[in-house]
Amino acid sequence: MLNSIFDIHHYTFNPYALPYYIVGILTMWEGVFIFMHNRKAWLNLSYLLTCAAVALWLVGVGAIYSATEEEISLFWAKYISFLGIIFITPTIYFLSICWRSTMISGENIKNKLTSIIFNFSWALILYFSC
């Protein structure tokens, strides 16, 4: 199964998949671009993680449209695209906490670290339970 996922012969060109690939790659590129400006900032890291989750979802949907076999489409839907969907909510929560802490001086992200870790852990539990 894993060999057939990376085999180019199991995919075909689909014009409906192109927007998903393009937007997914551009979203990931934007996240990396912002992160490279200041690697130590929590806000930039949280934005990178949010962009990575969205890009994973979009590229997964593009691969679903491009796959020629049902098994390969189900793999991209169940394991890749769903992983991105599950992690969008915790990464946006992390982004909003980081955004708020940069706007309000004196507030520390480490105070909210337990709730951030809880959200990512809960998302991981939901991902493996489905």
N, C-alpha and C. Protein backbone atom coordinates (compact mmCIF):
# COMPACT_ATOMS: atom_id res chain seq x y z
N MET A 1 0.82 -1.20 0.00
CA MET A 1 0.00 0.00 0.00
C MET A 1 0.86 1.26 0.00
N LEU A 2 1.88 1.30 0.85
CA LEU A 2 2.73 2.48 0.94
C LEU A 2 3.51 2.72 -0.34
N ASN A 3 3.90 1.64 -1.00
CA ASN A 3 4.61 1.79 -2.27
C ASN A 3 3.71 2.40 -3.35
N SER A 4 2.43 2.03 -3.34
CA SER A 4 1.52 2.54 -4.36
C SER A 4 1.16 4.01 -4.13
N ILE A 5 1.29 4.49 -2.90
CA ILE A 5 0.99 5.89 -2.61
C ILE A 5 2.02 6.80 -3.28
N PHE A 6 3.26 6.40 -3.28
CA PHE A 6 4.31 7.22 -3.86
C PHE A 6 4.60 6.89 -5.32
N ASP A 7 3.83 5.98 -5.90
CA ASP A 7 4.00 5.64 -7.31
C ASP A 7 3.22 6.64 -8.16
N ILE A 8 3.91 7.30 -9.06
CA ILE A 8 3.32 8.35 -9.88
C ILE A 8 2.26 7.82 -10.85
N HIS A 9 2.30 6.52 -11.13
CA HIS A 9 1.35 5.93 -12.08
C HIS A 9 -0.06 5.80 -11.49
N HIS A 10 -0.19 5.99 -10.18
CA HIS A 10 -1.50 5.89 -9.54
C HIS A 10 -2.20 7.24 -9.43
N TYR A 11 -1.63 8.23 -10.08
CA TYR A 11 -2.21 9.58 -10.06
C TYR A 11 -2.37 10.07 -11.49
N THR A 12 -3.31 10.95 -11.69
CA THR A 12 -3.55 11.55 -13.00
C THR A 12 -3.73 13.05 -12.83
N PHE A 13 -3.54 13.76 -13.94
CA PHE A 13 -3.76 15.21 -13.89
C PHE A 13 -5.24 15.49 -13.77
N ASN A 14 -5.59 16.31 -12.80
CA ASN A 14 -6.97 16.70 -12.60
C ASN A 14 -7.00 18.22 -12.42
N PRO A 15 -7.65 18.93 -13.31
CA PRO A 15 -7.65 20.40 -13.17
C PRO A 15 -8.35 20.89 -11.90
N TYR A 16 -9.22 20.07 -11.34
CA TYR A 16 -9.89 20.46 -10.10
C TYR A 16 -8.96 20.37 -8.90
N ALA A 17 -7.87 19.64 -9.02
CA ALA A 17 -6.92 19.51 -7.93
C ALA A 17 -5.90 20.64 -7.91
N LEU A 18 -5.71 21.29 -9.04
CA LEU A 18 -4.70 22.35 -9.13
C LEU A 18 -4.88 23.48 -8.12
N PRO A 19 -6.08 24.02 -7.93
CA PRO A 19 -6.22 25.08 -6.93
C PRO A 19 -5.82 24.64 -5.52
N TYR A 20 -6.14 23.40 -5.19
CA TYR A 20 -5.77 22.90 -3.85
C TYR A 20 -4.26 22.81 -3.69
N TYR A 21 -3.59 22.30 -4.71
CA TYR A 21 -2.13 22.21 -4.66
C TYR A 21 -1.50 23.60 -4.60
N ILE A 22 -1.97 24.51 -5.44
CA ILE A 22 -1.38 25.84 -5.50
C ILE A 22 -1.57 26.59 -4.18
N VAL A 23 -2.78 26.60 -3.68
CA VAL A 23 -3.05 27.32 -2.43
C VAL A 23 -2.35 26.63 -1.25
N GLY A 24 -2.30 25.31 -1.24
CA GLY A 24 -1.60 24.60 -0.17
C GLY A 24 -0.11 24.91 -0.14
N ILE A 25 0.51 24.91 -1.31
CA ILE A 25 1.94 25.20 -1.38
C ILE A 25 2.21 26.66 -1.04
N LEU A 26 1.38 27.57 -1.53
CA LEU A 26 1.56 28.99 -1.21
C LEU A 26 1.33 29.27 0.27
N THR A 27 0.38 28.58 0.87
CA THR A 27 0.13 28.75 2.30
C THR A 27 1.33 28.28 3.12
N MET A 28 1.88 27.16 2.75
CA MET A 28 3.06 26.66 3.46
C MET A 28 4.26 27.58 3.25
N TRP A 29 4.41 28.08 2.03
CA TRP A 29 5.51 29.00 1.75
C TRP A 29 5.37 30.28 2.57
N GLU A 30 4.14 30.79 2.69
CA GLU A 30 3.91 32.00 3.49
C GLU A 30 4.25 31.76 4.95
N GLY A 31 3.87 30.62 5.48
CA GLY A 31 4.19 30.31 6.88
C GLY A 31 5.68 30.22 7.12
N VAL A 32 6.40 29.58 6.20
CA VAL A 32 7.86 29.48 6.33
C VAL A 32 8.50 30.86 6.20
N PHE A 33 8.00 31.67 5.28
CA PHE A 33 8.52 33.02 5.06
C PHE A 33 8.38 33.86 6.33
N ILE A 34 7.22 33.83 6.95
CA ILE A 34 6.99 34.60 8.19
C ILE A 34 7.86 34.06 9.32
N PHE A 35 7.97 32.75 9.41
CA PHE A 35 8.76 32.15 10.48
C PHE A 35 10.24 32.49 10.35
N MET A 36 10.74 32.59 9.14
CA MET A 36 12.17 32.87 8.94
C MET A 36 12.54 34.30 9.32
N HIS A 37 11.58 35.18 9.40
CA HIS A 37 11.89 36.56 9.81
C HIS A 37 12.32 36.64 11.27
N ASN A 38 11.69 35.86 12.11
CA ASN A 38 12.06 35.83 13.52
C ASN A 38 11.73 34.45 14.07
N ARG A 39 12.73 33.61 14.12
CA ARG A 39 12.53 32.21 14.51
C ARG A 39 12.25 32.05 16.00
N LYS A 40 12.57 33.04 16.80
CA LYS A 40 12.39 32.92 18.25
C LYS A 40 11.04 33.42 18.73
N ALA A 41 10.28 34.06 17.86
CA ALA A 41 8.98 34.61 18.26
C ALA A 41 7.92 33.52 18.28
N TRP A 42 7.17 33.46 19.36
CA TRP A 42 6.10 32.49 19.49
C TRP A 42 5.02 32.73 18.44
N LEU A 43 4.77 33.99 18.14
CA LEU A 43 3.74 34.32 17.15
C LEU A 43 4.09 33.76 15.78
N ASN A 44 5.34 33.86 15.39
CA ASN A 44 5.75 33.34 14.09
C ASN A 44 5.67 31.82 14.05
N LEU A 45 6.03 31.16 15.16
CA LEU A 45 5.93 29.70 15.23
C LEU A 45 4.47 29.26 15.15
N SER A 46 3.61 29.95 15.86
CA SER A 46 2.19 29.57 15.83
C SER A 46 1.59 29.80 14.45
N TYR A 47 2.04 30.84 13.76
CA TYR A 47 1.55 31.08 12.41
C TYR A 47 2.04 30.00 11.45
N LEU A 48 3.29 29.58 11.62
CA LEU A 48 3.83 28.49 10.80
C LEU A 48 3.04 27.21 11.01
N LEU A 49 2.72 26.88 12.25
CA LEU A 49 1.96 25.66 12.53
C LEU A 49 0.55 25.74 11.95
N THR A 50 -0.06 26.91 12.02
CA THR A 50 -1.39 27.08 11.43
C THR A 50 -1.34 26.91 9.91
N CYS A 51 -0.34 27.52 9.29
CA CYS A 51 -0.19 27.38 7.84
C CYS A 51 0.11 25.93 7.45
N ALA A 52 0.89 25.23 8.27
CA ALA A 52 1.21 23.83 7.97
C ALA A 52 -0.04 22.96 8.05
N ALA A 53 -0.90 23.20 9.04
CA ALA A 53 -2.14 22.41 9.15
C ALA A 53 -3.06 22.66 7.96
N VAL A 54 -3.19 23.92 7.57
CA VAL A 54 -4.05 24.24 6.42
C VAL A 54 -3.46 23.68 5.14
N ALA A 55 -2.14 23.78 4.99
CA ALA A 55 -1.49 23.25 3.78
C ALA A 55 -1.62 21.74 3.70
N LEU A 56 -1.50 21.07 4.83
CA LEU A 56 -1.65 19.61 4.86
C LEU A 56 -3.04 19.21 4.41
N TRP A 57 -4.02 19.92 4.89
CA TRP A 57 -5.41 19.66 4.50
C TRP A 57 -5.60 19.89 3.00
N LEU A 58 -5.12 21.02 2.49
CA LEU A 58 -5.35 21.35 1.08
C LEU A 58 -4.60 20.43 0.13
N VAL A 59 -3.35 20.13 0.43
CA VAL A 59 -2.58 19.22 -0.43
C VAL A 59 -3.18 17.82 -0.37
N GLY A 60 -3.69 17.44 0.79
CA GLY A 60 -4.36 16.15 0.90
C GLY A 60 -5.61 16.07 0.03
N VAL A 61 -6.39 17.14 0.00
CA VAL A 61 -7.58 17.16 -0.85
C VAL A 61 -7.18 17.13 -2.33
N GLY A 62 -6.11 17.84 -2.67
CA GLY A 62 -5.62 17.79 -4.05
C GLY A 62 -5.19 16.40 -4.45
N ALA A 63 -4.55 15.68 -3.53
CA ALA A 63 -4.13 14.31 -3.82
C ALA A 63 -5.34 13.38 -3.93
N ILE A 64 -6.38 13.66 -3.16
CA ILE A 64 -7.61 12.86 -3.27
C ILE A 64 -8.19 12.99 -4.68
N TYR A 65 -8.21 14.21 -5.18
CA TYR A 65 -8.75 14.44 -6.53
C TYR A 65 -7.86 13.84 -7.61
N SER A 66 -6.56 13.76 -7.36
CA SER A 66 -5.63 13.28 -8.38
C SER A 66 -5.47 11.76 -8.40
N ALA A 67 -5.83 11.08 -7.33
CA ALA A 67 -5.62 9.64 -7.25
C ALA A 67 -6.58 8.91 -8.19
N THR A 68 -6.07 7.84 -8.77
CA THR A 68 -6.89 7.06 -9.70
C THR A 68 -7.54 5.86 -9.04
N GLU A 69 -7.07 5.48 -7.87
CA GLU A 69 -7.62 4.32 -7.17
C GLU A 69 -8.28 4.75 -5.86
N GLU A 70 -9.31 4.03 -5.50
CA GLU A 70 -10.07 4.36 -4.30
C GLU A 70 -9.24 4.20 -3.03
N GLU A 71 -8.40 3.18 -2.96
CA GLU A 71 -7.58 2.94 -1.77
C GLU A 71 -6.63 4.11 -1.49
N ILE A 72 -6.07 4.64 -2.56
CA ILE A 72 -5.13 5.76 -2.40
C ILE A 72 -5.89 7.02 -1.99
N SER A 73 -7.04 7.24 -2.56
CA SER A 73 -7.86 8.39 -2.16
C SER A 73 -8.26 8.30 -0.70
N LEU A 74 -8.63 7.11 -0.26
CA LEU A 74 -8.99 6.93 1.15
C LEU A 74 -7.81 7.16 2.08
N PHE A 75 -6.63 6.75 1.65
CA PHE A 75 -5.43 7.01 2.46
C PHE A 75 -5.23 8.51 2.64
N TRP A 76 -5.29 9.27 1.53
CA TRP A 76 -5.09 10.72 1.62
C TRP A 76 -6.19 11.37 2.45
N ALA A 77 -7.41 10.86 2.35
CA ALA A 77 -8.52 11.45 3.10
C ALA A 77 -8.42 11.13 4.59
N LYS A 78 -8.16 9.86 4.92
CA LYS A 78 -8.17 9.44 6.31
C LYS A 78 -6.94 9.87 7.10
N TYR A 79 -5.78 9.81 6.47
CA TYR A 79 -4.55 9.99 7.24
C TYR A 79 -3.89 11.34 7.03
N ILE A 80 -4.00 11.94 5.87
CA ILE A 80 -3.29 13.18 5.62
C ILE A 80 -4.23 14.38 5.74
N SER A 81 -5.28 14.39 4.97
CA SER A 81 -6.20 15.52 4.97
C SER A 81 -6.89 15.68 6.33
N PHE A 82 -7.31 14.58 6.91
CA PHE A 82 -7.97 14.63 8.22
C PHE A 82 -7.02 15.10 9.31
N LEU A 83 -5.73 14.77 9.19
CA LEU A 83 -4.74 15.26 10.15
C LEU A 83 -4.66 16.79 10.11
N GLY A 84 -4.67 17.34 8.91
CA GLY A 84 -4.66 18.79 8.78
C GLY A 84 -5.92 19.42 9.34
N ILE A 85 -7.06 18.81 9.06
CA ILE A 85 -8.33 19.35 9.55
C ILE A 85 -8.38 19.34 11.07
N ILE A 86 -7.94 18.25 11.67
CA ILE A 86 -7.98 18.11 13.13
C ILE A 86 -7.11 19.17 13.81
N PHE A 87 -5.96 19.49 13.20
CA PHE A 87 -5.03 20.40 13.86
C PHE A 87 -5.25 21.87 13.51
N ILE A 88 -6.22 22.19 12.69
CA ILE A 88 -6.49 23.60 12.41
C ILE A 88 -6.98 24.32 13.67
N THR A 89 -7.89 23.74 14.41
CA THR A 89 -8.44 24.39 15.59
C THR A 89 -7.39 24.64 16.68
N PRO A 90 -6.58 23.65 17.08
CA PRO A 90 -5.58 23.94 18.11
C PRO A 90 -4.52 24.94 17.66
N THR A 91 -4.17 24.92 16.38
CA THR A 91 -3.15 25.87 15.92
C THR A 91 -3.71 27.29 15.89
N ILE A 92 -4.98 27.45 15.55
CA ILE A 92 -5.58 28.78 15.57
C ILE A 92 -5.73 29.27 17.01
N TYR A 93 -6.02 28.38 17.93
CA TYR A 93 -6.05 28.76 19.35
C TYR A 93 -4.67 29.20 19.81
N PHE A 94 -3.65 28.45 19.43
CA PHE A 94 -2.27 28.81 19.76
C PHE A 94 -1.91 30.17 19.14
N LEU A 95 -2.31 30.40 17.90
CA LEU A 95 -2.06 31.67 17.23
C LEU A 95 -2.76 32.82 17.95
N SER A 96 -3.99 32.61 18.37
CA SER A 96 -4.72 33.68 19.05
C SER A 96 -4.12 34.00 20.42
N ILE A 97 -3.63 32.98 21.12
CA ILE A 97 -2.96 33.22 22.40
C ILE A 97 -1.67 34.01 22.18
N CYS A 98 -0.91 33.64 21.17
CA CYS A 98 0.34 34.36 20.87
C CYS A 98 0.06 35.77 20.40
N TRP A 99 -0.98 35.96 19.61
CA TRP A 99 -1.34 37.29 19.13
C TRP A 99 -1.74 38.19 20.29
N ARG A 100 -2.53 37.63 21.19
CA ARG A 100 -2.99 38.41 22.34
C ARG A 100 -1.84 38.77 23.26
N SER A 101 -0.91 37.85 23.43
CA SER A 101 0.21 38.14 24.34
C SER A 101 1.15 39.19 23.76
N THR A 102 1.23 39.30 22.43
CA THR A 102 2.06 40.35 21.84
C THR A 102 1.35 41.70 21.89
N MET A 103 0.03 41.71 21.88
CA MET A 103 -0.71 42.97 21.94
C MET A 103 -0.77 43.52 23.37
N ILE A 104 -0.88 42.63 24.35
CA ILE A 104 -0.95 43.05 25.74
C ILE A 104 0.41 42.82 26.36
N SER A 105 1.10 43.88 26.67
CA SER A 105 2.44 43.73 27.22
C SER A 105 2.37 43.17 28.64
N GLY A 106 3.31 42.35 28.94
CA GLY A 106 3.38 41.75 30.27
C GLY A 106 2.73 40.39 30.38
N GLU A 107 1.90 40.02 29.41
CA GLU A 107 1.27 38.70 29.46
C GLU A 107 2.23 37.68 28.87
N ASN A 108 2.36 36.56 29.53
CA ASN A 108 3.32 35.54 29.12
C ASN A 108 2.59 34.34 28.53
N ILE A 109 3.13 33.79 27.47
CA ILE A 109 2.53 32.62 26.82
C ILE A 109 2.66 31.39 27.71
N LYS A 110 3.69 31.35 28.52
CA LYS A 110 3.92 30.16 29.35
C LYS A 110 2.81 29.96 30.37
N ASN A 111 2.04 31.00 30.69
CA ASN A 111 0.90 30.84 31.58
C ASN A 111 -0.21 30.02 30.91
N LYS A 112 -0.32 30.11 29.62
CA LYS A 112 -1.35 29.40 28.86
C LYS A 112 -0.84 28.10 28.25
N LEU A 113 0.38 27.72 28.57
CA LEU A 113 1.00 26.56 27.93
C LEU A 113 0.23 25.27 28.21
N THR A 114 -0.34 25.13 29.39
CA THR A 114 -1.08 23.90 29.70
C THR A 114 -2.33 23.77 28.83
N SER A 115 -3.03 24.87 28.60
CA SER A 115 -4.22 24.78 27.75
C SER A 115 -3.84 24.54 26.29
N ILE A 116 -2.72 25.08 25.86
CA ILE A 116 -2.25 24.85 24.49
C ILE A 116 -1.88 23.38 24.31
N ILE A 117 -1.14 22.83 25.26
CA ILE A 117 -0.75 21.42 25.20
C ILE A 117 -1.98 20.52 25.29
N PHE A 118 -2.94 20.90 26.13
CA PHE A 118 -4.17 20.12 26.23
C PHE A 118 -4.91 20.09 24.89
N ASN A 119 -5.01 21.22 24.21
CA ASN A 119 -5.71 21.27 22.92
C ASN A 119 -5.01 20.42 21.87
N PHE A 120 -3.69 20.48 21.81
CA PHE A 120 -2.96 19.65 20.84
C PHE A 120 -3.09 18.17 21.20
N SER A 121 -3.05 17.85 22.49
CA SER A 121 -3.19 16.45 22.91
C SER A 121 -4.59 15.93 22.60
N TRP A 122 -5.59 16.75 22.85
CA TRP A 122 -6.96 16.34 22.57
C TRP A 122 -7.16 16.11 21.07
N ALA A 123 -6.58 16.97 20.25
CA ALA A 123 -6.66 16.79 18.80
C ALA A 123 -5.99 15.50 18.38
N LEU A 124 -4.85 15.19 18.98
CA LEU A 124 -4.14 13.96 18.65
C LEU A 124 -4.94 12.73 19.07
N ILE A 125 -5.59 12.79 20.23
CA ILE A 125 -6.45 11.68 20.67
C ILE A 125 -7.62 11.51 19.72
N LEU A 126 -8.23 12.61 19.30
CA LEU A 126 -9.34 12.51 18.34
C LEU A 126 -8.89 11.95 17.01
N TYR A 127 -7.69 12.33 16.59
CA TYR A 127 -7.17 11.84 15.31
C TYR A 127 -6.97 10.32 15.35
N PHE A 128 -6.38 9.83 16.43
CA PHE A 128 -6.14 8.39 16.51
C PHE A 128 -7.39 7.58 16.85
N SER A 129 -8.40 8.23 17.41
CA SER A 129 -9.62 7.48 17.71
C SER A 129 -10.50 7.32 16.47
N CYS A 130 -10.31 8.17 15.50
CA CYS A 130 -11.12 8.05 14.27
C CYS A 130 -10.36 7.22 13.31
